[in-house]
Amino acid sequence: MAKVRLAQVLKQKKVTKYAFAKMIGAETSNVAKYFKPDYDPKLSTVAKWAKALNVSVKDLIED
């Protein structure tokens, strides 16, 4: 399981969790699970996040 760097990327881009939820068309309550340590998203989900944030998938994955 790769570690997702979503929180760090949002902070770097100065995007709130609420704004991110709106960007990807999700409810804010559903976005909260993305920040749990045991959350393991599908690659397609990470690709959707990357597209919304205008970053590469590699920027969201920690080796």
Foldseek 3Di string as FASTA:
>chain_A
DWWFPVVVLCVVVVHDLCNLCVLLVHDSVVSVVVPDRPDDDDLVVLCSSCVSSVHHSVVGTDD
